[in-house]
Amino acid sequence: MSKLDSKTTSIADRKRAAEAEAVLDQMYGYFTRQEAPRVIVSELDAARRAA
């Protein structure tokens, strides 16, 4: 029996694992970046600037 046959995972499990990995990558990138924090622009701010 090969390694692939010994451990099978469902598509839902693989999708959850991939989503969790993406979230961890985003969190790591956010907390380790060297640049200044990004300014959060709300829809109200954007409308004020456009007027």
C-alpha atoms as a PDB file:
ATOM      1  CA  MET A   1       0.000   0.000   0.000  1.00  0.00           C
ATOM      2  CA  SER A   2       1.372   3.406  -0.929  1.00  0.00           C
ATOM      3  CA  LYS A   3       1.346   6.563   1.150  1.00  0.00           C
ATOM      4  CA  LEU A   4      -1.540   7.966  -0.869  1.00  0.00           C
ATOM      5  CA  ASP A   5      -3.698   4.960  -0.132  1.00  0.00           C
ATOM      6  CA  SER A   6      -2.980   5.012   3.595  1.00  0.00           C
ATOM      7  CA  LYS A   7      -4.320   8.528   4.213  1.00  0.00           C
ATOM      8  CA  THR A   8      -7.148   9.956   2.155  1.00  0.00           C
ATOM      9  CA  THR A   9      -8.848  13.263   2.867  1.00  0.00           C
ATOM     10  CA  SER A  10     -12.138  14.548   1.633  1.00  0.00           C
ATOM     11  CA  ILE A  11     -12.388  17.524  -0.682  1.00  0.00           C
ATOM     12  CA  ALA A  12     -14.034  19.543   2.120  1.00  0.00           C
ATOM     13  CA  ASP A  13     -11.125  18.774   4.458  1.00  0.00           C
ATOM     14  CA  ARG A  14      -8.589  19.793   1.837  1.00  0.00           C
ATOM     15  CA  LYS A  15     -10.513  23.016   1.138  1.00  0.00           C
ATOM     16  CA  ARG A  16     -10.642  23.870   4.861  1.00  0.00           C
ATOM     17  CA  ALA A  17      -6.927  23.220   5.197  1.00  0.00           C
ATOM     18  CA  ALA A  18      -6.174  25.430   2.185  1.00  0.00           C
ATOM     19  CA  GLU A  19      -8.359  28.245   3.562  1.00  0.00           C
ATOM     20  CA  ALA A  20      -6.712  28.004   6.969  1.00  0.00           C
ATOM     21  CA  GLU A  21      -3.280  28.137   5.342  1.00  0.00           C
ATOM     22  CA  ALA A  22      -4.281  31.233   3.355  1.00  0.00           C
ATOM     23  CA  VAL A  23      -5.527  32.962   6.508  1.00  0.00           C
ATOM     24  CA  LEU A  24      -2.298  32.175   8.334  1.00  0.00           C
ATOM     25  CA  ASP A  25      -0.273  33.523   5.401  1.00  0.00           C
ATOM     26  CA  GLN A  26      -2.292  36.761   5.450  1.00  0.00           C
ATOM     27  CA  MET A  27      -1.905  37.141   9.209  1.00  0.00           C
ATOM     28  CA  TYR A  28       1.818  36.480   9.023  1.00  0.00           C
ATOM     29  CA  GLY A  29       2.188  38.998   6.208  1.00  0.00           C
ATOM     30  CA  TYR A  30       0.209  41.603   8.112  1.00  0.00           C
ATOM     31  CA  PHE A  31       2.173  41.297  11.342  1.00  0.00           C
ATOM     32  CA  THR A  32       5.618  41.050   9.742  1.00  0.00           C
ATOM     33  CA  ARG A  33       5.411  43.809   7.165  1.00  0.00           C
ATOM     34  CA  GLN A  34       7.854  46.660   7.489  1.00  0.00           C
ATOM     35  CA  GLU A  35       5.774  49.367   5.831  1.00  0.00           C
ATOM     36  CA  ALA A  36       3.495  51.751   7.699  1.00  0.00           C
ATOM     37  CA  PRO A  37      -0.037  50.543   8.391  1.00  0.00           C
ATOM     38  CA  ARG A  38      -2.412  51.156   5.533  1.00  0.00           C
ATOM     39  CA  VAL A  39      -5.027  53.841   5.863  1.00  0.00           C
ATOM     40  CA  ILE A  40      -8.532  52.417   6.014  1.00  0.00           C
ATOM     41  CA  VAL A  41     -10.773  54.327   3.637  1.00  0.00           C
ATOM     42  CA  SER A  42     -14.483  54.012   4.222  1.00  0.00           C
ATOM     43  CA  GLU A  43     -17.168  54.633   1.617  1.00  0.00           C
ATOM     44  CA  LEU A  44     -17.948  57.924   3.379  1.00  0.00           C
ATOM     45  CA  ASP A  45     -14.325  59.093   3.045  1.00  0.00           C
ATOM     46  CA  ALA A  46     -14.277  58.129  -0.624  1.00  0.00           C
ATOM     47  CA  ALA A  47     -17.519  60.050  -1.264  1.00  0.00           C
ATOM     48  CA  ARG A  48     -16.130  63.146   0.473  1.00  0.00           C
ATOM     49  CA  ARG A  49     -12.969  63.064  -1.613  1.00  0.00           C
ATOM     50  CA  ALA A  50     -14.915  62.596  -4.825  1.00  0.00           C
ATOM     51  CA  ALA A  51     -17.178  65.607  -4.150  1.00  0.00           C
END
